[in-house]
Amino acid sequence: MKKILLLVLGMVMFVFAASPVRATDAEKIIEEADKARGPGDSFSFELKVTSLKPGRKDGISRFKVLIKGIDKSLVKFTYPKRDKGKVMLMVGNNLWIYIPTSRNPIRISQQQRLMGQVSNGDVARTNFAGDYIPTLLREEKFEGTLSYVLELKAKSKEVAYHRIIYWVEKNTFNPLKSEFYTISGKLLKTAYYQGYEEILGRERVTRLVIVDDLRQGQSSIMEYSNMKIEEFPDRIFQKSYLKHLR
C-alpha cells in the first residue's frame, strides 16, 4: 500500500511539473509590462515619431496622446503644420480620424500605417492586456537578461496585429522586444523597448525602435516625453466632440 501511495504521489507531482504555466500567470506578466508604457488609468504624453529610409530625409511627426482606461484614447496631431488639427479617437476597437476639412470623422483601422513602420494602433493603444490572449512559451536570455517569452494572440480581428511574440524581463517586467506577425504568419516588424527612465514611480519606456522586416533598411523611432497623470472628461472621447477640440 505504501508503495502504491508513493507511486500515485509521484505521478501527481509529475503532472504538476509538466503542466503549462497558468493563463493567469501570463496575464499578470503582460499587465505588469503594460505599466512600463503607461502610469495609470488616465494619463497623457507627447510622442515624436521619426521615420528612417535609406537615401531619404528623415520624416518627423509629433502628437499629444490622451489615455483614459484601457479602451479610450485621443491622439492630437501637432507637427508638421499641415497635420495640425487632425485628431484620432479610439473607443474599444473602433478608431476614427477627424480632419478639419472633412464634415465628419472617418472610420479607419488600427492596422493602417500612420507613418513609416508605425500603425494607427501603435500610437492610439498603449496596452496589450486588453487586446490579446497571452501564453507563456518559455524563459530565455535576451541580450544577457533572463526574460519571459510570451505569445499574444488577438482577441478580435480589429486589433493592430494578429500575433505577437513578446520578451519581458523576468525581474522587472520591463518589455524588451516584440515581434509582430500577419495573419498568414509572416514577420511584419520587430520592436525594441529602450531608454528606460524613472517616471512617476517606475521605470518606463521612453524610446521604441521599430525595424521593418519586409523592407530592408527601413525603421521608425517612437520617443515618449512629458508623461503625466491627468483626468479627462468623458465628452472628449466622443465622435461628436472632435470638431470642438483645440
C-alpha atoms as a PDB file:
ATOM      1  CA  MET A   1       0.000   0.000   0.000  1.00  0.00           C
ATOM      2  CA  LYS A   2       2.826   2.378   0.897  1.00  0.00           C
ATOM      3  CA  LYS A   3       4.499   1.757  -2.463  1.00  0.00           C
ATOM      4  CA  ILE A   4       1.205   2.456  -4.264  1.00  0.00           C
ATOM      5  CA  LEU A   5       0.717   5.739  -2.413  1.00  0.00           C
ATOM      6  CA  LEU A   6       4.256   6.826  -3.240  1.00  0.00           C
ATOM      7  CA  LEU A   7       3.719   5.937  -6.893  1.00  0.00           C
ATOM      8  CA  VAL A   8       0.452   7.926  -7.062  1.00  0.00           C
ATOM      9  CA  LEU A   9       2.076  10.901  -5.325  1.00  0.00           C
ATOM     10  CA  GLY A  10       4.970  10.791  -7.768  1.00  0.00           C
ATOM     11  CA  MET A  11       2.592  10.743 -10.727  1.00  0.00           C
ATOM     12  CA  VAL A  12       0.667  13.757  -9.343  1.00  0.00           C
ATOM     13  CA  MET A  13       3.888  15.685  -8.823  1.00  0.00           C
ATOM     14  CA  PHE A  14       4.984  14.869 -12.381  1.00  0.00           C
ATOM     15  CA  VAL A  15       1.673  16.115 -13.804  1.00  0.00           C
ATOM     16  CA  PHE A  16       2.007  19.417 -11.945  1.00  0.00           C
ATOM     17  CA  ALA A  17       5.634  19.827 -13.003  1.00  0.00           C
ATOM     18  CA  ALA A  18       4.815  19.123 -16.656  1.00  0.00           C
ATOM     19  CA  SER A  19       1.712  21.333 -16.768  1.00  0.00           C
ATOM     20  CA  PRO A  20       1.944  24.567 -18.761  1.00  0.00           C
ATOM     21  CA  VAL A  21       2.027  27.878 -16.907  1.00  0.00           C
ATOM     22  CA  ARG A  22      -1.457  29.017 -15.945  1.00  0.00           C
ATOM     23  CA  ALA A  23      -3.092  31.659 -18.123  1.00  0.00           C
ATOM     24  CA  THR A  24      -3.440  33.926 -15.096  1.00  0.00           C
ATOM     25  CA  ASP A  25       0.355  33.969 -14.715  1.00  0.00           C
ATOM     26  CA  ALA A  26       0.833  35.023 -18.337  1.00  0.00           C
ATOM     27  CA  GLU A  27      -1.889  37.652 -17.963  1.00  0.00           C
ATOM     28  CA  LYS A  28      -0.152  39.036 -14.879  1.00  0.00           C
ATOM     29  CA  ILE A  29       3.120  39.362 -16.798  1.00  0.00           C
ATOM     30  CA  ILE A  30       1.632  41.450 -19.602  1.00  0.00           C
ATOM     31  CA  GLU A  31      -0.403  43.537 -17.156  1.00  0.00           C
ATOM     32  CA  GLU A  32       2.820  44.415 -15.328  1.00  0.00           C
ATOM     33  CA  ALA A  33       4.658  45.022 -18.608  1.00  0.00           C
ATOM     34  CA  ASP A  34       1.903  47.405 -19.716  1.00  0.00           C
ATOM     35  CA  LYS A  35       2.722  49.567 -16.683  1.00  0.00           C
ATOM     36  CA  ALA A  36       6.116  50.321 -18.240  1.00  0.00           C
ATOM     37  CA  ARG A  37       4.238  52.002 -21.094  1.00  0.00           C
ATOM     38  CA  GLY A  38       1.658  53.928 -19.061  1.00  0.00           C
ATOM     39  CA  PRO A  39       1.433  55.179 -15.451  1.00  0.00           C
ATOM     40  CA  GLY A  40      -2.266  54.663 -14.769  1.00  0.00           C
ATOM     41  CA  ASP A  41      -5.842  54.684 -15.964  1.00  0.00           C
ATOM     42  CA  SER A  42      -5.840  58.313 -17.061  1.00  0.00           C
ATOM     43  CA  PHE A  43      -2.698  59.997 -18.358  1.00  0.00           C
ATOM     44  CA  SER A  44      -1.117  61.897 -21.230  1.00  0.00           C
ATOM     45  CA  PHE A  45       2.209  62.055 -23.029  1.00  0.00           C
ATOM     46  CA  GLU A  46       3.883  63.645 -26.016  1.00  0.00           C
ATOM     47  CA  LEU A  47       5.150  61.486 -28.841  1.00  0.00           C
ATOM     48  CA  LYS A  48       7.710  62.106 -31.553  1.00  0.00           C
ATOM     49  CA  VAL A  49       7.854  59.654 -34.456  1.00  0.00           C
ATOM     50  CA  THR A  50      10.860  59.614 -36.774  1.00  0.00           C
ATOM     51  CA  SER A  51      10.709  57.567 -39.976  1.00  0.00           C
ATOM     52  CA  LEU A  52      14.060  56.442 -41.405  1.00  0.00           C
ATOM     53  CA  LYS A  53      14.562  55.369 -45.019  1.00  0.00           C
ATOM     54  CA  PRO A  54      17.911  54.909 -46.791  1.00  0.00           C
ATOM     55  CA  GLY A  55      18.712  57.835 -49.102  1.00  0.00           C
ATOM     56  CA  ARG A  56      15.787  59.958 -47.892  1.00  0.00           C
ATOM     57  CA  LYS A  57      15.356  62.778 -45.432  1.00  0.00           C
ATOM     58  CA  ASP A  58      14.004  61.661 -42.072  1.00  0.00           C
ATOM     59  CA  GLY A  59      10.260  62.136 -41.689  1.00  0.00           C
ATOM     60  CA  ILE A  60       9.172  63.601 -38.343  1.00  0.00           C
ATOM     61  CA  SER A  61       5.712  63.877 -36.783  1.00  0.00           C
ATOM     62  CA  ARG A  62       4.610  64.903 -33.289  1.00  0.00           C
ATOM     63  CA  PHE A  63       1.484  64.040 -31.312  1.00  0.00           C
ATOM     64  CA  LYS A  64      -0.203  64.696 -27.974  1.00  0.00           C
ATOM     65  CA  VAL A  65      -1.824  61.496 -26.686  1.00  0.00           C
ATOM     66  CA  LEU A  66      -4.553  61.323 -24.032  1.00  0.00           C
ATOM     67  CA  ILE A  67      -5.421  57.947 -22.485  1.00  0.00           C
ATOM     68  CA  LYS A  68      -8.434  57.046 -20.339  1.00  0.00           C
ATOM     69  CA  GLY A  69      -8.793  53.489 -19.092  1.00  0.00           C
ATOM     70  CA  ILE A  70      -7.793  50.547 -21.262  1.00  0.00           C
ATOM     71  CA  ASP A  71     -10.105  51.344 -24.167  1.00  0.00           C
ATOM     72  CA  LYS A  72     -10.184  55.113 -24.772  1.00  0.00           C
ATOM     73  CA  SER A  73      -7.537  57.317 -26.355  1.00  0.00           C
ATOM     74  CA  LEU A  74      -7.280  60.600 -28.187  1.00  0.00           C
ATOM     75  CA  VAL A  75      -4.362  61.488 -30.466  1.00  0.00           C
ATOM     76  CA  LYS A  76      -3.855  65.128 -31.438  1.00  0.00           C
ATOM     77  CA  PHE A  77      -1.563  65.826 -34.399  1.00  0.00           C
ATOM     78  CA  THR A  78       0.743  68.736 -33.508  1.00  0.00           C
ATOM     79  CA  TYR A  79       3.501  68.601 -36.187  1.00  0.00           C
ATOM     80  CA  PRO A  80       4.074  69.124 -39.089  1.00  0.00           C
ATOM     81  CA  LYS A  81       1.941  72.191 -39.667  1.00  0.00           C
ATOM     82  CA  ARG A  82      -0.053  70.546 -42.463  1.00  0.00           C
ATOM     83  CA  ASP A  83      -1.360  67.940 -39.987  1.00  0.00           C
ATOM     84  CA  LYS A  84      -2.276  70.264 -37.125  1.00  0.00           C
ATOM     85  CA  GLY A  85      -5.932  69.982 -36.232  1.00  0.00           C
ATOM     86  CA  LYS A  86      -6.220  66.285 -37.097  1.00  0.00           C
ATOM     87  CA  VAL A  87      -7.419  64.045 -34.263  1.00  0.00           C
ATOM     88  CA  MET A  88      -7.648  60.270 -33.891  1.00  0.00           C
ATOM     89  CA  LEU A  89     -10.163  58.795 -31.465  1.00  0.00           C
ATOM     90  CA  MET A  90     -10.164  55.204 -30.269  1.00  0.00           C
ATOM     91  CA  VAL A  91     -13.000  53.721 -28.215  1.00  0.00           C
ATOM     92  CA  GLY A  92     -12.766  49.980 -27.702  1.00  0.00           C
ATOM     93  CA  ASN A  93     -11.563  48.608 -31.038  1.00  0.00           C
ATOM     94  CA  ASN A  94     -13.232  51.401 -33.011  1.00  0.00           C
ATOM     95  CA  LEU A  95     -10.940  54.057 -34.454  1.00  0.00           C
ATOM     96  CA  TRP A  96     -11.794  57.306 -36.248  1.00  0.00           C
ATOM     97  CA  ILE A  97      -9.845  60.259 -37.587  1.00  0.00           C
ATOM     98  CA  TYR A  98     -11.166  63.791 -37.744  1.00  0.00           C
ATOM     99  CA  ILE A  99      -9.725  66.105 -40.409  1.00  0.00           C
ATOM    100  CA  PRO A 100     -10.696  69.789 -40.187  1.00  0.00           C
ATOM    101  CA  THR A 101     -11.560  69.896 -43.905  1.00  0.00           C
ATOM    102  CA  SER A 102     -13.999  66.987 -43.594  1.00  0.00           C
ATOM    103  CA  ARG A 103     -17.513  67.212 -42.224  1.00  0.00           C
ATOM    104  CA  ASN A 104     -17.496  64.088 -40.066  1.00  0.00           C
ATOM    105  CA  PRO A 105     -14.928  61.731 -38.513  1.00  0.00           C
ATOM    106  CA  ILE A 106     -13.792  58.932 -40.821  1.00  0.00           C
ATOM    107  CA  ARG A 107     -13.612  55.298 -39.691  1.00  0.00           C
ATOM    108  CA  ILE A 108     -10.092  53.857 -40.046  1.00  0.00           C
ATOM    109  CA  SER A 109      -8.342  50.654 -38.976  1.00  0.00           C
ATOM    110  CA  GLN A 110      -5.719  50.052 -36.324  1.00  0.00           C
ATOM    111  CA  GLN A 111      -3.615  48.185 -38.890  1.00  0.00           C
ATOM    112  CA  GLN A 112      -3.413  51.141 -41.258  1.00  0.00           C
ATOM    113  CA  ARG A 113       0.038  52.688 -41.465  1.00  0.00           C
ATOM    114  CA  LEU A 114       0.319  56.141 -39.913  1.00  0.00           C
ATOM    115  CA  MET A 115       3.904  56.811 -40.988  1.00  0.00           C
ATOM    116  CA  GLY A 116       6.976  54.681 -41.533  1.00  0.00           C
ATOM    117  CA  GLN A 117       6.667  51.426 -39.588  1.00  0.00           C
ATOM    118  CA  VAL A 118       4.170  52.908 -37.119  1.00  0.00           C
ATOM    119  CA  SER A 119       0.500  51.960 -37.401  1.00  0.00           C
ATOM    120  CA  ASN A 120      -2.504  53.832 -36.068  1.00  0.00           C
ATOM    121  CA  GLY A 121      -2.818  51.237 -33.337  1.00  0.00           C
ATOM    122  CA  ASP A 122       0.802  51.712 -32.231  1.00  0.00           C
ATOM    123  CA  VAL A 123       0.026  55.325 -31.338  1.00  0.00           C
ATOM    124  CA  ALA A 124      -3.569  55.070 -30.131  1.00  0.00           C
ATOM    125  CA  ARG A 125      -3.149  51.989 -27.898  1.00  0.00           C
ATOM    126  CA  THR A 126      -0.599  51.649 -25.086  1.00  0.00           C
ATOM    127  CA  ASN A 127      -1.524  48.257 -23.651  1.00  0.00           C
ATOM    128  CA  PHE A 128      -1.551  44.627 -24.744  1.00  0.00           C
ATOM    129  CA  ALA A 129      -3.528  43.144 -21.838  1.00  0.00           C
ATOM    130  CA  GLY A 130      -6.893  44.321 -23.145  1.00  0.00           C
ATOM    131  CA  ASP A 131      -6.392  43.167 -26.734  1.00  0.00           C
ATOM    132  CA  TYR A 132      -4.524  39.862 -26.572  1.00  0.00           C
ATOM    133  CA  ILE A 133      -4.718  36.403 -25.001  1.00  0.00           C
ATOM    134  CA  PRO A 134      -1.237  35.538 -23.656  1.00  0.00           C
ATOM    135  CA  THR A 135       0.547  32.219 -23.353  1.00  0.00           C
ATOM    136  CA  LEU A 136       3.917  31.883 -21.629  1.00  0.00           C
ATOM    137  CA  LEU A 137       6.131  29.880 -24.003  1.00  0.00           C
ATOM    138  CA  ARG A 138       9.426  29.729 -22.138  1.00  0.00           C
ATOM    139  CA  GLU A 139      12.133  31.590 -20.276  1.00  0.00           C
ATOM    140  CA  GLU A 140      15.369  32.537 -22.017  1.00  0.00           C
ATOM    141  CA  LYS A 141      18.086  35.172 -22.025  1.00  0.00           C
ATOM    142  CA  PHE A 142      17.684  38.169 -24.292  1.00  0.00           C
ATOM    143  CA  GLU A 143      20.948  40.094 -24.635  1.00  0.00           C
ATOM    144  CA  GLY A 144      22.084  38.595 -21.327  1.00  0.00           C
ATOM    145  CA  THR A 145      18.844  39.350 -19.464  1.00  0.00           C
ATOM    146  CA  LEU A 146      16.648  36.498 -18.219  1.00  0.00           C
ATOM    147  CA  SER A 147      13.254  37.038 -19.798  1.00  0.00           C
ATOM    148  CA  TYR A 148       9.794  35.593 -20.197  1.00  0.00           C
ATOM    149  CA  VAL A 149       8.835  34.865 -23.789  1.00  0.00           C
ATOM    150  CA  LEU A 150       5.100  35.067 -24.430  1.00  0.00           C
ATOM    151  CA  GLU A 151       2.847  34.533 -27.402  1.00  0.00           C
ATOM    152  CA  LEU A 152      -0.014  37.020 -27.673  1.00  0.00           C
ATOM    153  CA  LYS A 153      -2.995  36.165 -29.864  1.00  0.00           C
ATOM    154  CA  ALA A 154      -5.523  38.820 -30.837  1.00  0.00           C
ATOM    155  CA  LYS A 155      -8.951  38.687 -29.216  1.00  0.00           C
ATOM    156  CA  SER A 156     -10.562  40.248 -32.301  1.00  0.00           C
ATOM    157  CA  LYS A 157      -9.814  40.988 -35.958  1.00  0.00           C
ATOM    158  CA  GLU A 158      -9.901  44.737 -35.350  1.00  0.00           C
ATOM    159  CA  VAL A 159      -6.672  44.957 -33.327  1.00  0.00           C
ATOM    160  CA  ALA A 160      -3.445  46.055 -34.978  1.00  0.00           C
ATOM    161  CA  TYR A 161      -1.669  42.673 -35.086  1.00  0.00           C
ATOM    162  CA  HIS A 162      -2.848  39.078 -35.298  1.00  0.00           C
ATOM    163  CA  ARG A 163       0.007  37.606 -33.259  1.00  0.00           C
ATOM    164  CA  ILE A 164       2.916  38.941 -31.203  1.00  0.00           C
ATOM    165  CA  ILE A 165       5.942  37.245 -29.657  1.00  0.00           C
ATOM    166  CA  TYR A 166       6.872  39.295 -26.599  1.00  0.00           C
ATOM    167  CA  TRP A 167      10.051  39.333 -24.494  1.00  0.00           C
ATOM    168  CA  VAL A 168       9.622  40.689 -20.928  1.00  0.00           C
ATOM    169  CA  GLU A 169      12.433  40.966 -18.378  1.00  0.00           C
ATOM    170  CA  LYS A 170      11.773  38.482 -15.575  1.00  0.00           C
ATOM    171  CA  ASN A 171      12.966  40.598 -12.625  1.00  0.00           C
ATOM    172  CA  THR A 172      11.392  43.939 -13.571  1.00  0.00           C
ATOM    173  CA  PHE A 173       8.577  43.014 -16.004  1.00  0.00           C
ATOM    174  CA  ASN A 174      10.025  45.618 -18.392  1.00  0.00           C
ATOM    175  CA  PRO A 175       9.259  44.905 -22.083  1.00  0.00           C
ATOM    176  CA  LEU A 176      12.388  44.231 -24.122  1.00  0.00           C
ATOM    177  CA  LYS A 177      11.312  43.151 -27.577  1.00  0.00           C
ATOM    178  CA  SER A 178       8.225  42.362 -29.674  1.00  0.00           C
ATOM    179  CA  GLU A 179       7.833  40.559 -32.978  1.00  0.00           C
ATOM    180  CA  PHE A 180       4.634  41.364 -34.890  1.00  0.00           C
ATOM    181  CA  TYR A 181       3.131  38.824 -37.296  1.00  0.00           C
ATOM    182  CA  THR A 182       0.493  38.943 -40.020  1.00  0.00           C
ATOM    183  CA  ILE A 183      -2.475  36.545 -40.192  1.00  0.00           C
ATOM    184  CA  SER A 184      -0.506  34.462 -42.710  1.00  0.00           C
ATOM    185  CA  GLY A 185       2.354  34.081 -40.202  1.00  0.00           C
ATOM    186  CA  LYS A 186       4.806  36.440 -41.887  1.00  0.00           C
ATOM    187  CA  LEU A 187       7.047  38.539 -39.633  1.00  0.00           C
ATOM    188  CA  LEU A 188       5.999  42.133 -40.225  1.00  0.00           C
ATOM    189  CA  LYS A 189       8.274  44.125 -37.910  1.00  0.00           C
ATOM    190  CA  THR A 190      10.317  43.929 -34.719  1.00  0.00           C
ATOM    191  CA  ALA A 191      10.232  46.467 -31.888  1.00  0.00           C
ATOM    192  CA  TYR A 192      12.901  47.126 -29.256  1.00  0.00           C
ATOM    193  CA  TYR A 193      11.957  48.879 -25.998  1.00  0.00           C
ATOM    194  CA  GLN A 194      14.711  51.244 -24.873  1.00  0.00           C
ATOM    195  CA  GLY A 195      15.557  54.402 -22.952  1.00  0.00           C
ATOM    196  CA  TYR A 196      14.153  53.335 -19.601  1.00  0.00           C
ATOM    197  CA  GLU A 197      13.836  56.197 -17.115  1.00  0.00           C
ATOM    198  CA  GLU A 198      12.325  56.570 -13.661  1.00  0.00           C
ATOM    199  CA  ILE A 199       9.000  58.310 -14.338  1.00  0.00           C
ATOM    200  CA  LEU A 200       6.141  58.604 -11.860  1.00  0.00           C
ATOM    201  CA  GLY A 201       7.492  55.953  -9.537  1.00  0.00           C
ATOM    202  CA  ARG A 202       8.504  53.283 -12.072  1.00  0.00           C
ATOM    203  CA  GLU A 203      10.957  52.614 -14.867  1.00  0.00           C
ATOM    204  CA  ARG A 204       9.169  53.403 -18.098  1.00  0.00           C
ATOM    205  CA  VAL A 205       9.932  53.141 -21.817  1.00  0.00           C
ATOM    206  CA  THR A 206      10.919  56.440 -23.440  1.00  0.00           C
ATOM    207  CA  ARG A 207      12.119  55.087 -26.789  1.00  0.00           C
ATOM    208  CA  LEU A 208      10.756  52.382 -29.073  1.00  0.00           C
ATOM    209  CA  VAL A 209      12.728  51.361 -32.161  1.00  0.00           C
ATOM    210  CA  ILE A 210      10.685  49.562 -34.826  1.00  0.00           C
ATOM    211  CA  VAL A 211      12.553  47.693 -37.562  1.00  0.00           C
ATOM    212  CA  ASP A 212      10.744  46.794 -40.779  1.00  0.00           C
ATOM    213  CA  ASP A 213      11.224  43.092 -41.539  1.00  0.00           C
ATOM    214  CA  LEU A 214       9.664  43.396 -45.014  1.00  0.00           C
ATOM    215  CA  ARG A 215      11.555  46.467 -46.266  1.00  0.00           C
ATOM    216  CA  GLN A 216      15.279  46.218 -45.668  1.00  0.00           C
ATOM    217  CA  GLY A 217      16.923  49.218 -44.041  1.00  0.00           C
ATOM    218  CA  GLN A 218      13.700  50.966 -43.029  1.00  0.00           C
ATOM    219  CA  SER A 219      12.835  51.721 -39.410  1.00  0.00           C
ATOM    220  CA  SER A 220      10.983  54.141 -37.158  1.00  0.00           C
ATOM    221  CA  ILE A 221      11.682  55.586 -33.724  1.00  0.00           C
ATOM    222  CA  MET A 222       8.936  56.476 -31.254  1.00  0.00           C
ATOM    223  CA  GLU A 223      10.075  58.805 -28.445  1.00  0.00           C
ATOM    224  CA  TYR A 224       7.836  59.412 -25.417  1.00  0.00           C
ATOM    225  CA  SER A 225       8.104  62.504 -23.209  1.00  0.00           C
ATOM    226  CA  ASN A 226       6.218  64.702 -20.723  1.00  0.00           C
ATOM    227  CA  MET A 227       4.229  61.747 -19.371  1.00  0.00           C
ATOM    228  CA  LYS A 228       1.855  62.756 -16.587  1.00  0.00           C
ATOM    229  CA  ILE A 229      -1.257  61.597 -14.808  1.00  0.00           C
ATOM    230  CA  GLU A 230      -4.328  63.607 -15.805  1.00  0.00           C
ATOM    231  CA  GLU A 231      -8.091  63.318 -15.537  1.00  0.00           C
ATOM    232  CA  PHE A 232     -10.201  63.895 -18.649  1.00  0.00           C
ATOM    233  CA  PRO A 233     -13.955  64.407 -19.073  1.00  0.00           C
ATOM    234  CA  ASP A 234     -15.801  61.621 -20.893  1.00  0.00           C
ATOM    235  CA  ARG A 235     -17.173  64.034 -23.502  1.00  0.00           C
ATOM    236  CA  ILE A 236     -13.827  64.465 -25.277  1.00  0.00           C
ATOM    237  CA  PHE A 237     -13.844  60.755 -26.168  1.00  0.00           C
ATOM    238  CA  GLN A 238     -16.938  61.103 -28.338  1.00  0.00           C
ATOM    239  CA  LYS A 239     -17.010  61.475 -32.128  1.00  0.00           C
ATOM    240  CA  SER A 240     -19.365  64.419 -31.932  1.00  0.00           C
ATOM    241  CA  TYR A 241     -16.894  66.373 -29.816  1.00  0.00           C
ATOM    242  CA  LEU A 242     -13.820  66.035 -32.036  1.00  0.00           C
ATOM    243  CA  LYS A 243     -14.513  69.187 -34.051  1.00  0.00           C
ATOM    244  CA  HIS A 244     -14.516  71.207 -30.818  1.00  0.00           C
ATOM    245  CA  LEU A 245     -11.042  70.129 -29.733  1.00  0.00           C
ATOM    246  CA  ARG A 246      -8.213  72.635 -29.866  1.00  0.00           C
END
